[in-house]
Amino acid sequence: MWPELPYAAWRDTLQTVHLWVQIVGKIRLTLTPWLNHSWHVPLYVTARGIGTSPIPIGTDSLEIDFDFIGHRLLIRTSRGDEDGFALTPISVAEFHNRLFALLRQLGVAVAIDDRPSEMADATPYTRDHTHASYDPAAMHRFWQALVQADRMFKLFRSGFLGKASPVHFFWGSFDLAATRFSGRTAPKHPGGIPGLPDAVTCEAYSHEECSAGFWPGSESFPRAAFYSYAYPEPPGYRNRPVVNGAYFDTTLGEFVLPYDTMRAAADPNGVLLDFLVTTYAAAADCGNWDRAALECPLGAPGLVRPV
């Protein structure tokens, strides 16, 4: 269920697809009314890859999906239109040009910010001819891991009665995430995230939260991992005991469970769920959340939650 994800082996594909996905995500961002905490922005794990869900285009809807089984980009509208192209080793600029040519043919008028998000000094999409890798097997493995993480995050989400985000895929940072909220407002975030306007950051962190997620790694952190953090970080949080194998990374400012550690465990699903539960408990206890009012037992298929 949890395939190998050695960062170095698929680094080039990851960097290319990250930028492709940003382009699709920015189309959703541009056409969709703003929703609190940027919840109108992410993509979602699907039965074949990741996709936008319906995007409003006037009185109609548009969907753009990455299919990591058939390795195609698919575009559909509620008018019955359907088009796409194969996912192959093409540059970010070529991906951009092909996608927007198809949108124009379908009568969808949209223009996006050409600068990559959450990346310092990155080449604009339309001028990026450097990133041009695509390994179908590597992307299929990553998507398989996303399917499992999405399943476990949704189970974890079922044990919370308070305000909680959907389980969604943020294309800026290329991570799957789920967030719980205490119900109280938070101090204004200082901003300063590269490639992300401070106004967006401040709105996203307007309320106290505990957020957990999964990401495949980066140049600065070259391994796949699960993470969990609290904003604002309450006193004593980073010193709380969590599941064995996880630790608090002082550079990242969050708890980390290496993917390989989870994968090597006798019960990977149990270790991941324990990581989500114990890191949330650290945030809730240290932050004085009203846990009795906010929590409930995990949900089970077909069983109504008792009240």
Protein backbone atom coordinates (compact mmCIF):
# COMPACT_ATOMS: atom_id res chain seq x y z
CA MET A 1 0.00 0.00 0.00
CA TRP A 2 2.88 2.38 0.75
CA PRO A 3 5.36 2.31 -2.18
CA GLU A 4 8.99 3.40 -1.99
CA LEU A 5 9.51 7.14 -2.61
CA PRO A 6 13.27 7.78 -2.71
CA TYR A 7 13.55 11.51 -3.39
CA ALA A 8 16.76 11.40 -5.44
CA ALA A 9 15.34 8.78 -7.82
CA TRP A 10 12.48 10.98 -9.03
CA ARG A 11 13.66 14.48 -8.12
CA ASP A 12 13.53 15.82 -11.71
CA THR A 13 10.03 14.46 -12.34
CA LEU A 14 8.81 15.84 -9.01
CA GLN A 15 10.12 19.32 -9.77
CA THR A 16 8.58 19.34 -13.25
CA VAL A 17 5.17 18.01 -12.20
CA HIS A 18 5.08 20.40 -9.23
CA LEU A 19 5.23 23.30 -11.69
CA TRP A 20 2.68 21.71 -14.04
CA VAL A 21 0.29 21.28 -11.12
CA GLN A 22 0.80 24.90 -10.06
CA ILE A 23 -0.37 26.05 -13.48
CA VAL A 24 -3.59 24.03 -13.18
CA GLY A 25 -4.06 25.16 -9.58
CA LYS A 26 -3.74 28.80 -10.57
CA ILE A 27 -6.51 28.35 -13.11
CA ARG A 28 -8.78 27.17 -10.30
CA LEU A 29 -7.57 30.03 -8.10
CA THR A 30 -8.25 32.65 -10.77
CA LEU A 31 -11.77 31.50 -11.64
CA THR A 32 -13.15 30.57 -8.19
CA PRO A 33 -14.62 32.97 -5.58
CA TRP A 34 -12.37 33.33 -2.55
CA LEU A 35 -13.04 30.91 0.31
CA ASN A 36 -11.68 31.26 3.83
CA HIS A 37 -8.15 29.88 4.40
CA SER A 38 -7.71 29.57 0.60
CA TRP A 39 -9.89 26.46 0.55
CA HIS A 40 -10.92 27.33 -3.01
CA VAL A 41 -7.30 26.85 -4.14
CA PRO A 42 -6.29 23.18 -3.59
CA LEU A 43 -6.72 20.13 -5.75
CA TYR A 44 -8.08 16.77 -4.55
CA VAL A 45 -6.93 13.16 -4.73
CA THR A 46 -9.06 11.21 -7.21
CA ALA A 47 -9.44 7.55 -8.16
CA ARG A 48 -6.89 8.11 -10.95
CA GLY A 49 -4.74 11.06 -9.88
CA ILE A 50 -5.43 14.57 -8.65
CA GLY A 51 -8.00 17.04 -9.94
CA THR A 52 -9.57 20.44 -9.50
CA SER A 53 -13.20 19.48 -8.82
CA PRO A 54 -15.72 21.72 -10.68
CA ILE A 55 -14.50 25.27 -11.44
CA PRO A 56 -17.13 27.90 -12.36
CA ILE A 57 -16.91 29.32 -15.89
CA GLY A 58 -19.90 31.60 -16.18
CA THR A 59 -22.97 29.39 -15.79
CA ASP A 60 -20.99 26.24 -16.63
CA SER A 61 -18.25 24.21 -14.93
CA LEU A 62 -14.75 23.17 -15.88
CA GLU A 63 -12.66 20.31 -14.48
CA ILE A 64 -8.96 19.63 -15.08
CA ASP A 65 -7.55 16.30 -13.92
CA PHE A 66 -4.14 14.67 -13.86
CA ASP A 67 -4.56 10.96 -14.60
CA PHE A 68 -1.56 9.11 -13.16
CA ILE A 69 -2.82 5.72 -14.35
CA GLY A 70 -3.30 6.60 -18.01
CA HIS A 71 -0.83 9.52 -17.75
CA ARG A 72 -2.93 12.17 -19.39
CA LEU A 73 -4.13 15.65 -18.57
CA LEU A 74 -7.92 15.73 -19.00
CA ILE A 75 -10.16 18.76 -19.47
CA ARG A 76 -13.95 18.49 -19.23
CA THR A 77 -16.81 20.97 -19.08
CA SER A 78 -20.46 20.71 -18.10
CA ARG A 79 -21.25 21.56 -21.73
CA GLY A 80 -19.98 18.10 -22.71
CA ASP A 81 -16.56 19.17 -23.97
CA GLU A 82 -13.65 16.80 -23.35
CA ASP A 83 -10.02 17.13 -24.43
CA GLY A 84 -6.51 16.63 -23.14
CA PHE A 85 -3.01 15.46 -23.94
CA ALA A 86 -0.53 12.82 -22.85
CA LEU A 87 1.76 13.46 -19.91
CA THR A 88 5.24 13.03 -21.35
CA PRO A 89 8.67 14.64 -20.78
CA ILE A 90 7.80 18.16 -21.96
CA SER A 91 8.94 21.46 -20.50
CA VAL A 92 6.89 23.57 -18.14
CA ALA A 93 6.59 26.19 -20.90
CA GLU A 94 5.30 23.61 -23.38
CA PHE A 95 2.81 22.25 -20.83
CA HIS A 96 1.55 25.80 -20.24
CA ASN A 97 1.18 26.47 -23.95
CA ARG A 98 -0.65 23.22 -24.69
CA LEU A 99 -3.05 23.64 -21.79
CA PHE A 100 -3.97 27.23 -22.58
CA ALA A 101 -4.38 26.43 -26.28
CA LEU A 102 -6.96 23.77 -25.35
CA LEU A 103 -8.75 26.16 -22.99
CA ARG A 104 -9.00 28.76 -25.74
CA GLN A 105 -10.46 26.13 -28.09
CA LEU A 106 -13.07 25.39 -25.44
CA GLY A 107 -13.91 29.07 -25.06
CA VAL A 108 -12.45 29.37 -21.56
CA ALA A 109 -10.84 32.79 -21.09
CA VAL A 110 -8.38 32.89 -18.18
CA ALA A 111 -4.99 34.44 -17.47
CA ILE A 112 -2.80 33.44 -14.51
CA ASP A 113 0.16 34.91 -12.66
CA ASP A 114 3.19 33.55 -14.52
CA ARG A 115 5.42 33.42 -11.42
CA PRO A 116 5.69 30.12 -9.54
CA SER A 117 4.25 30.22 -6.02
CA GLU A 118 6.17 29.58 -2.80
CA MET A 119 9.48 29.45 -4.68
CA ALA A 120 12.17 32.10 -4.44
CA ASP A 121 13.58 33.44 -7.72
CA ALA A 122 11.88 30.80 -9.85
CA THR A 123 11.67 31.05 -13.65
CA PRO A 124 8.22 32.06 -14.94
CA TYR A 125 6.23 29.14 -16.31
CA THR A 126 6.20 30.42 -19.87
CA ARG A 127 10.02 30.72 -19.92
CA ASP A 128 10.86 27.49 -18.09
CA HIS A 129 12.43 25.12 -20.62
CA THR A 130 14.68 23.50 -18.00
CA HIS A 131 12.17 21.38 -16.08
CA ALA A 132 11.05 18.78 -18.60
CA SER A 133 11.05 15.36 -16.92
CA TYR A 134 8.28 12.83 -16.52
CA ASP A 135 8.70 9.30 -15.16
CA PRO A 136 5.27 7.61 -15.31
CA ALA A 137 6.18 4.88 -12.83
CA ALA A 138 7.46 7.40 -10.28
CA MET A 139 4.32 9.54 -10.54
CA HIS A 140 2.14 6.46 -10.22
CA ARG A 141 3.97 5.49 -7.01
CA PHE A 142 3.58 8.96 -5.55
CA TRP A 143 -0.12 8.97 -6.40
CA GLN A 144 -0.51 5.56 -4.72
CA ALA A 145 1.01 7.06 -1.56
CA LEU A 146 -1.38 10.02 -1.84
CA VAL A 147 -4.35 7.65 -2.05
CA GLN A 148 -3.30 5.99 1.21
CA ALA A 149 -2.53 9.29 2.98
CA ASP A 150 -5.85 10.74 1.80
CA ARG A 151 -7.68 7.70 3.19
CA MET A 152 -5.97 7.96 6.58
CA PHE A 153 -6.39 11.73 6.85
CA LYS A 154 -10.11 11.39 6.14
CA LEU A 155 -10.43 8.78 8.88
CA PHE A 156 -8.61 11.11 11.29
CA ARG A 157 -10.87 14.01 10.24
CA SER A 158 -13.96 12.01 11.23
CA GLY A 159 -13.01 12.27 14.91
CA PHE A 160 -13.44 16.04 15.11
CA LEU A 161 -16.67 18.02 15.58
CA GLY A 162 -15.16 21.51 15.28
CA LYS A 163 -14.24 23.48 12.21
CA ALA A 164 -11.97 21.38 10.00
CA SER A 165 -10.69 21.69 6.47
CA PRO A 166 -11.31 19.14 3.74
CA VAL A 167 -8.39 16.85 3.00
CA HIS A 168 -6.87 18.69 0.07
CA PHE A 169 -3.69 19.00 -2.02
CA PHE A 170 -2.00 22.39 -1.94
CA TRP A 171 -0.16 22.87 -5.21
CA GLY A 172 2.01 25.75 -3.96
CA SER A 173 3.92 23.56 -1.52
CA PHE A 174 2.89 20.26 -3.22
CA ASP A 175 1.50 18.63 -0.09
CA LEU A 176 -1.65 16.90 1.07
CA ALA A 177 -3.04 18.59 4.18
CA ALA A 178 -5.85 18.53 6.74
CA THR A 179 -6.40 21.22 9.39
CA ARG A 180 -8.33 21.43 12.65
CA PHE A 181 -9.29 24.70 14.34
CA SER A 182 -9.80 25.59 18.01
CA GLY A 183 -12.56 28.11 17.20
CA ARG A 184 -10.53 31.10 18.37
CA THR A 185 -8.84 33.79 16.31
CA ALA A 186 -5.04 33.82 16.10
CA PRO A 187 -2.43 36.60 16.25
CA LYS A 188 -1.70 38.14 12.87
CA HIS A 189 0.79 36.03 10.95
CA PRO A 190 4.05 37.88 10.18
CA GLY A 191 4.07 36.68 6.55
CA GLY A 192 7.36 36.47 4.74
CA ILE A 193 6.78 33.16 2.92
CA PRO A 194 8.67 33.33 -0.42
CA GLY A 195 6.38 33.53 -3.43
CA LEU A 196 3.23 33.99 -1.34
CA PRO A 197 1.62 37.40 -0.73
CA ASP A 198 1.47 38.35 2.94
CA ALA A 199 -2.26 39.07 2.64
CA VAL A 200 -2.86 35.44 1.60
CA THR A 201 -0.74 34.12 4.47
CA CYS A 202 -2.45 36.32 7.05
CA GLU A 203 -5.91 35.25 5.89
CA ALA A 204 -4.91 31.58 5.88
CA TYR A 205 -3.69 31.76 9.48
CA SER A 206 -6.44 33.99 10.85
CA HIS A 207 -7.55 31.35 13.40
CA GLU A 208 -5.77 28.99 15.77
CA GLU A 209 -5.08 25.70 14.07
CA CYS A 210 -3.32 22.36 14.07
CA SER A 211 -2.42 21.23 10.57
CA ALA A 212 -1.06 17.87 9.44
CA GLY A 213 0.09 16.78 6.02
CA PHE A 214 2.24 14.69 3.72
CA TRP A 215 4.81 15.92 1.23
CA PRO A 216 7.34 14.16 -1.03
CA GLY A 217 10.42 16.19 -0.08
CA SER A 218 12.41 19.05 -1.55
CA GLU A 219 15.99 20.15 -2.11
CA SER A 220 16.16 21.50 1.44
CA PHE A 221 14.44 18.42 2.94
CA PRO A 222 15.19 15.57 0.50
CA ARG A 223 12.89 12.84 1.79
CA ALA A 224 9.17 12.18 1.95
CA ALA A 225 7.56 12.81 5.33
CA PHE A 226 4.40 13.47 7.28
CA TYR A 227 4.28 16.69 9.27
CA SER A 228 2.18 18.42 11.91
CA TYR A 229 2.37 21.93 13.32
CA ALA A 230 0.37 24.35 15.43
CA TYR A 231 -0.25 28.04 14.76
CA PRO A 232 0.41 29.86 16.94
CA GLU A 233 2.80 27.40 18.60
CA PRO A 234 1.73 27.17 22.25
CA PRO A 235 4.25 26.94 25.12
CA GLY A 236 5.50 23.41 25.71
CA TYR A 237 4.20 22.10 22.37
CA ARG A 238 7.49 20.99 20.84
CA ASN A 239 8.46 19.08 23.99
CA ARG A 240 5.35 16.91 24.09
CA PRO A 241 5.82 13.16 23.51
CA VAL A 242 4.44 11.88 20.21
CA VAL A 243 4.50 8.55 18.37
CA ASN A 244 7.82 6.66 18.32
CA GLY A 245 9.89 7.52 15.25
CA ALA A 246 8.62 11.10 14.98
CA TYR A 247 10.49 14.17 16.19
CA PHE A 248 10.22 17.95 16.33
CA ASP A 249 12.31 19.59 13.60
CA THR A 250 13.47 22.95 14.92
CA THR A 251 14.35 24.21 11.44
CA LEU A 252 10.90 23.47 10.03
CA GLY A 253 9.12 24.32 13.28
CA GLU A 254 6.95 21.22 13.13
CA PHE A 255 6.74 17.56 14.08
CA VAL A 256 7.99 15.19 11.39
CA LEU A 257 7.38 11.48 10.82
CA PRO A 258 9.68 10.26 8.02
CA TYR A 259 7.76 8.34 5.38
CA ASP A 260 10.32 5.52 5.43
CA THR A 261 9.96 5.18 9.22
CA MET A 262 6.19 4.83 8.90
CA ARG A 263 6.52 2.49 5.93
CA ALA A 264 8.93 0.17 7.73
CA ALA A 265 6.67 -0.24 10.77
CA ALA A 266 4.77 -3.47 11.40
CA ASP A 267 1.52 -1.43 11.25
CA PRO A 268 2.15 1.62 9.04
CA ASN A 269 -1.47 2.76 9.19
CA GLY A 270 -1.49 2.58 12.97
CA VAL A 271 1.77 4.52 13.25
CA LEU A 272 0.46 7.26 10.95
CA LEU A 273 -2.84 7.53 12.83
CA ASP A 274 -0.95 7.70 16.14
CA PHE A 275 1.21 10.48 14.71
CA LEU A 276 -1.86 12.48 13.73
CA VAL A 277 -3.56 11.88 17.09
CA THR A 278 -0.56 12.60 19.33
CA THR A 279 0.59 15.73 17.51
CA TYR A 280 -2.96 17.10 17.52
CA ALA A 281 -3.20 16.32 21.26
CA ALA A 282 0.05 18.22 21.81
CA ALA A 283 -1.41 21.30 20.10
CA ALA A 284 -4.82 21.01 21.77
CA ASP A 285 -3.52 20.39 25.29
CA CYS A 286 -0.77 23.02 25.20
CA GLY A 287 -3.14 25.49 23.53
CA ASN A 288 -6.01 24.86 25.97
CA TRP A 289 -8.51 23.79 23.30
CA ASP A 290 -11.94 22.65 24.51
CA ARG A 291 -11.29 19.04 23.56
CA ALA A 292 -14.46 17.68 25.16
CA ALA A 293 -16.58 19.88 22.89
CA LEU A 294 -14.46 19.46 19.76
CA GLU A 295 -13.82 15.71 19.57
CA CYS A 296 -15.78 12.53 18.94
CA PRO A 297 -14.91 8.88 18.19
CA LEU A 298 -13.60 8.08 14.73
CA GLY A 299 -16.35 7.44 12.23
CA ALA A 300 -17.28 4.02 10.85
CA PRO A 301 -18.95 3.27 7.49
CA GLY A 302 -22.73 3.09 7.71
CA LEU A 303 -22.95 3.97 11.39
CA VAL A 304 -24.59 7.24 12.46
CA ARG A 305 -22.54 9.14 15.04
CA PRO A 306 -24.31 8.80 18.41
CA VAL A 307 -25.34 12.06 20.10
